[in-house]
């Protein structure tokens, strides 16, 4: 069975950003696009069930 990432926990991302001093508006604007690209590439690199 292949492992696939569906997305990130954005609540945690907002809390982490707040702890790092990032403005919530910047997180809300930028993080969804960053998440989509990162999840795509993580799933692309993950071994598929054919590789096992």
C-alpha atoms as a PDB file:
ATOM      1  CA  UNK A   1       0.000   0.000   0.000  1.00  0.00           C
ATOM      2  CA  UNK A   2       1.438   3.318  -1.040  1.00  0.00           C
ATOM      3  CA  UNK A   3       1.811   6.090   1.485  1.00  0.00           C
ATOM      4  CA  UNK A   4       0.307   9.388   0.412  1.00  0.00           C
ATOM      5  CA  UNK A   5       0.286  12.747   2.132  1.00  0.00           C
ATOM      6  CA  UNK A   6      -3.026  14.570   1.856  1.00  0.00           C
ATOM      7  CA  UNK A   7      -2.082  17.855   3.467  1.00  0.00           C
ATOM      8  CA  UNK A   8      -0.707  19.635   6.474  1.00  0.00           C
ATOM      9  CA  UNK A   9      -2.378  20.528   9.744  1.00  0.00           C
ATOM     10  CA  UNK A  10      -2.807  24.241   9.095  1.00  0.00           C
ATOM     11  CA  UNK A  11      -3.836  24.934  12.709  1.00  0.00           C
ATOM     12  CA  UNK A  12      -0.369  23.851  13.759  1.00  0.00           C
ATOM     13  CA  UNK A  13       1.147  25.969  10.996  1.00  0.00           C
ATOM     14  CA  UNK A  14      -0.662  29.047  12.313  1.00  0.00           C
ATOM     15  CA  UNK A  15       0.482  28.344  15.876  1.00  0.00           C
ATOM     16  CA  UNK A  16       4.053  27.777  14.729  1.00  0.00           C
ATOM     17  CA  UNK A  17       3.982  30.941  12.637  1.00  0.00           C
ATOM     18  CA  UNK A  18       2.621  32.891  15.595  1.00  0.00           C
ATOM     19  CA  UNK A  19       5.411  31.558  17.797  1.00  0.00           C
ATOM     20  CA  UNK A  20       7.927  32.660  15.161  1.00  0.00           C
ATOM     21  CA  UNK A  21       6.399  36.126  14.914  1.00  0.00           C
ATOM     22  CA  UNK A  22       4.899  35.706  11.429  1.00  0.00           C
ATOM     23  CA  UNK A  23       1.803  37.806  10.795  1.00  0.00           C
ATOM     24  CA  UNK A  24      -1.333  35.602  10.460  1.00  0.00           C
ATOM     25  CA  UNK A  25      -2.280  37.333   7.196  1.00  0.00           C
ATOM     26  CA  UNK A  26       1.029  36.272   5.642  1.00  0.00           C
ATOM     27  CA  UNK A  27       0.455  32.689   6.761  1.00  0.00           C
ATOM     28  CA  UNK A  28      -3.086  32.673   5.366  1.00  0.00           C
ATOM     29  CA  UNK A  29      -1.937  34.077   2.024  1.00  0.00           C
ATOM     30  CA  UNK A  30       1.218  32.064   1.446  1.00  0.00           C
ATOM     31  CA  UNK A  31       0.856  28.725   3.192  1.00  0.00           C
ATOM     32  CA  UNK A  32      -1.862  27.094   1.016  1.00  0.00           C
ATOM     33  CA  UNK A  33       0.256  27.511  -2.120  1.00  0.00           C
ATOM     34  CA  UNK A  34       3.401  26.332  -0.349  1.00  0.00           C
ATOM     35  CA  UNK A  35       1.510  23.348   1.073  1.00  0.00           C
ATOM     36  CA  UNK A  36       0.184  22.289  -2.341  1.00  0.00           C
ATOM     37  CA  UNK A  37       3.629  22.298  -3.941  1.00  0.00           C
ATOM     38  CA  UNK A  38       5.307  20.599  -0.976  1.00  0.00           C
ATOM     39  CA  UNK A  39       2.670  17.847  -0.727  1.00  0.00           C
ATOM     40  CA  UNK A  40       2.897  17.209  -4.477  1.00  0.00           C
ATOM     41  CA  UNK A  41       6.669  16.777  -4.301  1.00  0.00           C
ATOM     42  CA  UNK A  42       6.583  14.684  -1.112  1.00  0.00           C
ATOM     43  CA  UNK A  43       4.085  12.311  -2.732  1.00  0.00           C
ATOM     44  CA  UNK A  44       6.161  12.201  -5.901  1.00  0.00           C
ATOM     45  CA  UNK A  45       9.215  11.108  -3.886  1.00  0.00           C
ATOM     46  CA  UNK A  46       7.334   8.589  -1.733  1.00  0.00           C
ATOM     47  CA  UNK A  47       7.815   4.961  -2.726  1.00  0.00           C
ATOM     48  CA  UNK A  48       4.808   3.543  -4.543  1.00  0.00           C
ATOM     49  CA  UNK A  49       3.377   0.081  -3.997  1.00  0.00           C
ATOM     50  CA  UNK A  50       5.069  -0.994  -7.264  1.00  0.00           C
ATOM     51  CA  UNK A  51       8.507  -0.297  -5.739  1.00  0.00           C
ATOM     52  CA  UNK A  52       8.054  -2.764  -2.884  1.00  0.00           C
END
